[in-house]
Amino acid sequence: MKLMSILNLFSKKRCAMPVLETERLILRRFKKEDLDDFYEYSRNPNVGPNAGWKPHASRQESKEILKYFIENPSIWAIVDKDTQKVIGSIGLHDDRKRDYENAKMLGYVLAEPYWGRGLMTEAAKKMIEYAFEELKIDLLSVYHYPHNKRSQRVIEKCGFHYEGLLRRASTIYNGKVYDDMCYSLTREEYYREIKKDNNYY
């Protein structure tokens, strides 16, 4: 494929990323003006390690990572509607544990001051809807480390099915090795169990 064709394809992918809304949140593409909010929650030592990444050491580090987020059509900023503040991120990623093209993995992180309000569950449910109804994927997976009980509650509230424990599955930034708690939701399960549940949203 010629270089221009590749660039045009990438440009189309960037334009195709939709803005999603829930009752309290906006999910949109990151932009460079988000740097202060992004750095604020990314430097918190209680946030990154739960997802396996090192807390950011400087605004420059956050700036470099933010550039990647801005160009990545699979990572959304989570924005508080009331304040317009970026309070986290959520994404649909390739699942490195599955050799299947039409499967995605849900990943997310939320700033600590917003924990315990149901916001992450609200964002995740919207992303699940988008994944199955718009992207037409066949399966959505999600994982958490055994000690991350907050993430476990989000996953369970979203209706994922527990697959089992994958032992010694993830090595994080500091060399620690964790088990992965594995969950998934198929397209059939989404339409049979979630789409028909009037109390889901």
C-alpha atoms as a PDB file:
ATOM      1  CA  MET A   1       0.000   0.000   0.000  1.00  0.00           C
ATOM      2  CA  LYS A   2       1.323   3.431  -0.940  1.00  0.00           C
ATOM      3  CA  LEU A   3       2.260   5.872   1.834  1.00  0.00           C
ATOM      4  CA  MET A   4      -0.506   8.318   0.856  1.00  0.00           C
ATOM      5  CA  SER A   5      -3.105   5.557   1.031  1.00  0.00           C
ATOM      6  CA  ILE A   6      -1.896   4.587   4.492  1.00  0.00           C
ATOM      7  CA  LEU A   7      -2.076   8.200   5.667  1.00  0.00           C
ATOM      8  CA  ASN A   8      -5.564   8.622   4.225  1.00  0.00           C
ATOM      9  CA  LEU A   9      -6.726   5.441   5.921  1.00  0.00           C
ATOM     10  CA  PHE A  10      -5.328   6.644   9.253  1.00  0.00           C
ATOM     11  CA  SER A  11      -6.994  10.030   8.778  1.00  0.00           C
ATOM     12  CA  LYS A  12     -10.362   8.365   8.173  1.00  0.00           C
ATOM     13  CA  LYS A  13      -9.958   6.329  11.340  1.00  0.00           C
ATOM     14  CA  ARG A  14      -9.268   9.498  13.321  1.00  0.00           C
ATOM     15  CA  CYS A  15     -12.411  11.170  11.972  1.00  0.00           C
ATOM     16  CA  ALA A  16     -14.533   8.108  12.689  1.00  0.00           C
ATOM     17  CA  MET A  17     -14.065   8.248  16.460  1.00  0.00           C
ATOM     18  CA  PRO A  18     -17.446   9.285  17.897  1.00  0.00           C
ATOM     19  CA  VAL A  19     -18.316  11.378  20.936  1.00  0.00           C
ATOM     20  CA  LEU A  20     -20.396   9.299  23.354  1.00  0.00           C
ATOM     21  CA  GLU A  21     -22.572  10.652  26.154  1.00  0.00           C
ATOM     22  CA  THR A  22     -24.121   9.305  29.330  1.00  0.00           C
ATOM     23  CA  GLU A  23     -26.167  11.048  31.986  1.00  0.00           C
ATOM     24  CA  ARG A  24     -23.112  12.512  33.707  1.00  0.00           C
ATOM     25  CA  LEU A  25     -20.237  11.978  31.295  1.00  0.00           C
ATOM     26  CA  ILE A  26     -18.886  12.771  27.854  1.00  0.00           C
ATOM     27  CA  LEU A  27     -16.526  10.292  26.214  1.00  0.00           C
ATOM     28  CA  ARG A  28     -14.441  11.975  23.523  1.00  0.00           C
ATOM     29  CA  ARG A  29     -11.030  12.029  21.899  1.00  0.00           C
ATOM     30  CA  PHE A  30      -8.216  13.442  23.990  1.00  0.00           C
ATOM     31  CA  LYS A  31      -6.819  16.855  23.021  1.00  0.00           C
ATOM     32  CA  LYS A  32      -3.668  18.743  23.975  1.00  0.00           C
ATOM     33  CA  GLU A  33      -5.612  21.066  26.294  1.00  0.00           C
ATOM     34  CA  ASP A  34      -6.287  18.054  28.540  1.00  0.00           C
ATOM     35  CA  LEU A  35      -2.678  17.922  29.723  1.00  0.00           C
ATOM     36  CA  ASP A  36      -3.183  19.418  33.204  1.00  0.00           C
ATOM     37  CA  ASP A  37      -6.143  17.166  34.008  1.00  0.00           C
ATOM     38  CA  PHE A  38      -4.368  14.138  32.558  1.00  0.00           C
ATOM     39  CA  TYR A  39      -1.212  14.747  34.569  1.00  0.00           C
ATOM     40  CA  GLU A  40      -3.212  15.400  37.730  1.00  0.00           C
ATOM     41  CA  TYR A  41      -4.693  11.916  37.882  1.00  0.00           C
ATOM     42  CA  SER A  42      -1.830  10.075  36.144  1.00  0.00           C
ATOM     43  CA  ARG A  43       0.736  11.091  38.778  1.00  0.00           C
ATOM     44  CA  ASN A  44      -1.412   9.705  41.609  1.00  0.00           C
ATOM     45  CA  PRO A  45       0.301   6.570  43.010  1.00  0.00           C
ATOM     46  CA  ASN A  46      -3.116   5.061  43.783  1.00  0.00           C
ATOM     47  CA  VAL A  47      -4.274   5.159  40.159  1.00  0.00           C
ATOM     48  CA  GLY A  48      -1.746   3.802  37.647  1.00  0.00           C
ATOM     49  CA  PRO A  49      -0.464   0.731  39.506  1.00  0.00           C
ATOM     50  CA  ASN A  50      -3.983  -0.734  39.681  1.00  0.00           C
ATOM     51  CA  ALA A  51      -3.909  -0.823  35.872  1.00  0.00           C
ATOM     52  CA  GLY A  52      -0.274  -1.930  35.674  1.00  0.00           C
ATOM     53  CA  TRP A  53       1.400   1.348  34.734  1.00  0.00           C
ATOM     54  CA  LYS A  54       3.838   3.608  36.563  1.00  0.00           C
ATOM     55  CA  PRO A  55       2.567   6.917  37.967  1.00  0.00           C
ATOM     56  CA  HIS A  56       3.754   9.748  35.763  1.00  0.00           C
ATOM     57  CA  ALA A  57       6.846  11.463  37.110  1.00  0.00           C
ATOM     58  CA  SER A  58       6.443  14.778  35.265  1.00  0.00           C
ATOM     59  CA  ARG A  59       4.173  16.872  33.065  1.00  0.00           C
ATOM     60  CA  GLN A  60       6.564  16.145  30.204  1.00  0.00           C
ATOM     61  CA  GLU A  61       6.003  12.413  30.595  1.00  0.00           C
ATOM     62  CA  SER A  62       2.242  12.980  30.578  1.00  0.00           C
ATOM     63  CA  LYS A  63       2.591  15.227  27.522  1.00  0.00           C
ATOM     64  CA  GLU A  64       4.364  12.505  25.564  1.00  0.00           C
ATOM     65  CA  ILE A  65       1.780   9.880  26.487  1.00  0.00           C
ATOM     66  CA  LEU A  66      -1.051  12.306  25.768  1.00  0.00           C
ATOM     67  CA  LYS A  67       0.279  12.728  22.212  1.00  0.00           C
ATOM     68  CA  TYR A  68      -0.160   8.995  21.719  1.00  0.00           C
ATOM     69  CA  PHE A  69      -3.671   9.100  23.175  1.00  0.00           C
ATOM     70  CA  ILE A  70      -4.660  11.953  20.858  1.00  0.00           C
ATOM     71  CA  GLU A  71      -3.586   9.956  17.806  1.00  0.00           C
ATOM     72  CA  ASN A  72      -5.117   6.690  19.019  1.00  0.00           C
ATOM     73  CA  PRO A  73      -8.681   6.064  17.786  1.00  0.00           C
ATOM     74  CA  SER A  74      -9.376   3.534  20.520  1.00  0.00           C
ATOM     75  CA  ILE A  75      -8.849   5.658  23.671  1.00  0.00           C
ATOM     76  CA  TRP A  76     -11.496   8.096  24.904  1.00  0.00           C
ATOM     77  CA  ALA A  77     -11.174  10.798  27.551  1.00  0.00           C
ATOM     78  CA  ILE A  78     -13.798  10.601  30.293  1.00  0.00           C
ATOM     79  CA  VAL A  79     -15.139  14.114  30.878  1.00  0.00           C
ATOM     80  CA  ASP A  80     -17.319  15.256  33.777  1.00  0.00           C
ATOM     81  CA  LYS A  81     -20.269  17.066  32.174  1.00  0.00           C
ATOM     82  CA  ASP A  82     -20.694  19.490  35.081  1.00  0.00           C
ATOM     83  CA  THR A  83     -17.096  20.722  35.196  1.00  0.00           C
ATOM     84  CA  GLN A  84     -15.779  19.721  31.745  1.00  0.00           C
ATOM     85  CA  LYS A  85     -12.781  18.238  33.569  1.00  0.00           C
ATOM     86  CA  VAL A  86     -11.068  15.124  32.224  1.00  0.00           C
ATOM     87  CA  ILE A  87     -11.306  12.561  35.008  1.00  0.00           C
ATOM     88  CA  GLY A  88     -10.055   9.394  33.353  1.00  0.00           C
ATOM     89  CA  SER A  89      -9.824   7.327  30.204  1.00  0.00           C
ATOM     90  CA  ILE A  90     -11.519   4.320  28.667  1.00  0.00           C
ATOM     91  CA  GLY A  91     -10.574   2.300  25.628  1.00  0.00           C
ATOM     92  CA  LEU A  92     -11.203  -0.665  23.367  1.00  0.00           C
ATOM     93  CA  HIS A  93      -7.913  -2.416  22.704  1.00  0.00           C
ATOM     94  CA  ASP A  94      -6.657  -5.498  20.921  1.00  0.00           C
ATOM     95  CA  ASP A  95      -6.642  -8.372  23.393  1.00  0.00           C
ATOM     96  CA  ARG A  96      -3.115  -9.794  23.482  1.00  0.00           C
ATOM     97  CA  LYS A  97      -4.454 -12.948  25.156  1.00  0.00           C
ATOM     98  CA  ARG A  98      -6.755 -13.817  22.233  1.00  0.00           C
ATOM     99  CA  ASP A  99      -5.808 -14.579  18.650  1.00  0.00           C
ATOM    100  CA  TYR A 100      -9.144 -13.416  17.270  1.00  0.00           C
ATOM    101  CA  GLU A 101      -9.623 -10.403  15.053  1.00  0.00           C
ATOM    102  CA  ASN A 102     -13.174  -9.478  16.073  1.00  0.00           C
ATOM    103  CA  ALA A 103     -12.523  -9.413  19.827  1.00  0.00           C
ATOM    104  CA  LYS A 104     -11.619  -6.334  21.850  1.00  0.00           C
ATOM    105  CA  MET A 105     -10.471  -5.697  25.401  1.00  0.00           C
ATOM    106  CA  LEU A 106     -11.997  -3.020  27.624  1.00  0.00           C
ATOM    107  CA  GLY A 107      -9.558  -0.924  29.648  1.00  0.00           C
ATOM    108  CA  TYR A 108     -10.202   2.049  31.908  1.00  0.00           C
ATOM    109  CA  VAL A 109      -8.876   4.300  34.641  1.00  0.00           C
ATOM    110  CA  LEU A 110     -10.575   6.918  36.809  1.00  0.00           C
ATOM    111  CA  ALA A 111      -9.200   9.764  38.931  1.00  0.00           C
ATOM    112  CA  GLU A 112      -9.296   8.898  42.643  1.00  0.00           C
ATOM    113  CA  PRO A 113     -11.625  11.759  43.753  1.00  0.00           C
ATOM    114  CA  TYR A 114     -14.336  10.258  41.522  1.00  0.00           C
ATOM    115  CA  TRP A 115     -14.207   6.713  42.870  1.00  0.00           C
ATOM    116  CA  GLY A 116     -17.312   5.276  44.487  1.00  0.00           C
ATOM    117  CA  ARG A 117     -19.861   7.324  42.505  1.00  0.00           C
ATOM    118  CA  GLY A 118     -20.748   4.787  39.827  1.00  0.00           C
ATOM    119  CA  LEU A 119     -19.078   6.875  37.128  1.00  0.00           C
ATOM    120  CA  MET A 120     -16.754   4.170  35.873  1.00  0.00           C
ATOM    121  CA  THR A 121     -19.633   1.728  35.562  1.00  0.00           C
ATOM    122  CA  GLU A 122     -21.609   4.374  33.681  1.00  0.00           C
ATOM    123  CA  ALA A 123     -18.776   4.929  31.200  1.00  0.00           C
ATOM    124  CA  ALA A 124     -18.085   1.219  30.790  1.00  0.00           C
ATOM    125  CA  LYS A 125     -21.717   0.390  30.020  1.00  0.00           C
ATOM    126  CA  LYS A 126     -21.765   3.033  27.298  1.00  0.00           C
ATOM    127  CA  MET A 127     -18.570   1.649  25.800  1.00  0.00           C
ATOM    128  CA  ILE A 128     -19.986  -1.882  25.867  1.00  0.00           C
ATOM    129  CA  GLU A 129     -23.045  -0.654  23.979  1.00  0.00           C
ATOM    130  CA  TYR A 130     -20.847   1.064  21.393  1.00  0.00           C
ATOM    131  CA  ALA A 131     -18.615  -1.996  20.972  1.00  0.00           C
ATOM    132  CA  PHE A 132     -21.446  -4.386  20.205  1.00  0.00           C
ATOM    133  CA  GLU A 133     -23.970  -2.148  18.470  1.00  0.00           C
ATOM    134  CA  GLU A 134     -21.681   0.091  16.405  1.00  0.00           C
ATOM    135  CA  LEU A 135     -18.409  -1.798  15.986  1.00  0.00           C
ATOM    136  CA  LYS A 136     -20.248  -5.138  15.739  1.00  0.00           C
ATOM    137  CA  ILE A 137     -17.564  -7.039  17.645  1.00  0.00           C
ATOM    138  CA  ASP A 138     -18.119 -10.668  18.639  1.00  0.00           C
ATOM    139  CA  LEU A 139     -16.526 -10.620  22.064  1.00  0.00           C
ATOM    140  CA  LEU A 140     -15.396  -8.059  24.638  1.00  0.00           C
ATOM    141  CA  SER A 141     -12.938  -9.062  27.343  1.00  0.00           C
ATOM    142  CA  VAL A 142     -11.776  -7.312  30.490  1.00  0.00           C
ATOM    143  CA  TYR A 143      -9.231  -8.154  33.191  1.00  0.00           C
ATOM    144  CA  HIS A 144      -8.246  -7.046  36.672  1.00  0.00           C
ATOM    145  CA  TYR A 145      -5.625  -7.977  39.218  1.00  0.00           C
ATOM    146  CA  PRO A 146      -6.944  -9.956  42.227  1.00  0.00           C
ATOM    147  CA  HIS A 147      -6.349  -7.072  44.658  1.00  0.00           C
ATOM    148  CA  ASN A 148      -8.291  -4.536  42.577  1.00  0.00           C
ATOM    149  CA  LYS A 149     -11.734  -5.022  44.086  1.00  0.00           C
ATOM    150  CA  ARG A 150     -13.073  -1.712  42.741  1.00  0.00           C
ATOM    151  CA  SER A 151     -12.467  -2.810  39.174  1.00  0.00           C
ATOM    152  CA  GLN A 152     -14.012  -6.182  39.947  1.00  0.00           C
ATOM    153  CA  ARG A 153     -17.232  -4.497  41.081  1.00  0.00           C
ATOM    154  CA  VAL A 154     -17.383  -2.425  37.888  1.00  0.00           C
ATOM    155  CA  ILE A 155     -16.923  -5.538  35.765  1.00  0.00           C
ATOM    156  CA  GLU A 156     -19.603  -7.485  37.613  1.00  0.00           C
ATOM    157  CA  LYS A 157     -22.101  -4.603  37.422  1.00  0.00           C
ATOM    158  CA  CYS A 158     -21.552  -4.467  33.672  1.00  0.00           C
ATOM    159  CA  GLY A 159     -22.634  -8.077  33.237  1.00  0.00           C
ATOM    160  CA  PHE A 160     -19.367  -9.715  32.202  1.00  0.00           C
ATOM    161  CA  HIS A 161     -18.998 -13.464  32.679  1.00  0.00           C
ATOM    162  CA  TYR A 162     -16.091 -14.706  34.797  1.00  0.00           C
ATOM    163  CA  GLU A 163     -13.818 -17.033  32.816  1.00  0.00           C
ATOM    164  CA  GLY A 164     -11.248 -17.870  35.457  1.00  0.00           C
ATOM    165  CA  LEU A 165      -7.863 -16.993  36.910  1.00  0.00           C
ATOM    166  CA  LEU A 166      -4.846 -16.815  34.595  1.00  0.00           C
ATOM    167  CA  ARG A 167      -1.902 -17.311  36.902  1.00  0.00           C
ATOM    168  CA  ARG A 168       1.266 -15.203  36.658  1.00  0.00           C
ATOM    169  CA  ALA A 169      -0.083 -13.480  33.566  1.00  0.00           C
ATOM    170  CA  SER A 170       1.077  -9.864  33.834  1.00  0.00           C
ATOM    171  CA  THR A 171       4.416  -8.292  34.715  1.00  0.00           C
ATOM    172  CA  ILE A 172       3.971  -4.615  35.571  1.00  0.00           C
ATOM    173  CA  TYR A 173       6.409  -1.694  35.414  1.00  0.00           C
ATOM    174  CA  ASN A 174       8.157  -2.481  38.732  1.00  0.00           C
ATOM    175  CA  GLY A 175       8.764  -6.148  37.962  1.00  0.00           C
ATOM    176  CA  LYS A 176       5.905  -7.508  40.067  1.00  0.00           C
ATOM    177  CA  VAL A 177       3.997 -10.389  38.525  1.00  0.00           C
ATOM    178  CA  TYR A 178       0.240 -10.626  39.010  1.00  0.00           C
ATOM    179  CA  ASP A 179      -2.482 -13.104  38.218  1.00  0.00           C
ATOM    180  CA  ASP A 180      -5.227 -11.921  35.877  1.00  0.00           C
ATOM    181  CA  MET A 181      -8.905 -12.312  36.707  1.00  0.00           C
ATOM    182  CA  CYS A 182     -10.479 -12.907  33.289  1.00  0.00           C
ATOM    183  CA  TYR A 183     -13.966 -11.948  32.107  1.00  0.00           C
ATOM    184  CA  SER A 184     -15.748 -11.680  28.784  1.00  0.00           C
ATOM    185  CA  LEU A 185     -19.063 -10.900  27.150  1.00  0.00           C
ATOM    186  CA  THR A 186     -20.129 -12.255  23.758  1.00  0.00           C
ATOM    187  CA  ARG A 187     -22.387 -10.547  21.266  1.00  0.00           C
ATOM    188  CA  GLU A 188     -25.077 -13.148  21.935  1.00  0.00           C
ATOM    189  CA  GLU A 189     -24.884 -12.599  25.690  1.00  0.00           C
ATOM    190  CA  TYR A 190     -25.078  -8.836  25.238  1.00  0.00           C
ATOM    191  CA  TYR A 191     -28.313  -8.973  23.268  1.00  0.00           C
ATOM    192  CA  ARG A 192     -29.833 -11.801  25.311  1.00  0.00           C
ATOM    193  CA  GLU A 193     -28.919 -10.653  28.840  1.00  0.00           C
ATOM    194  CA  ILE A 194     -28.131  -6.940  28.743  1.00  0.00           C
ATOM    195  CA  LYS A 195     -30.069  -5.362  25.907  1.00  0.00           C
ATOM    196  CA  LYS A 196     -33.324  -6.766  27.290  1.00  0.00           C
ATOM    197  CA  ASP A 197     -32.589  -5.692  30.886  1.00  0.00           C
ATOM    198  CA  ASN A 198     -34.565  -2.507  31.555  1.00  0.00           C
ATOM    199  CA  ASN A 199     -32.610  -1.926  34.786  1.00  0.00           C
ATOM    200  CA  TYR A 200     -29.146  -2.135  33.196  1.00  0.00           C
ATOM    201  CA  TYR A 201     -28.666   1.576  32.507  1.00  0.00           C
END
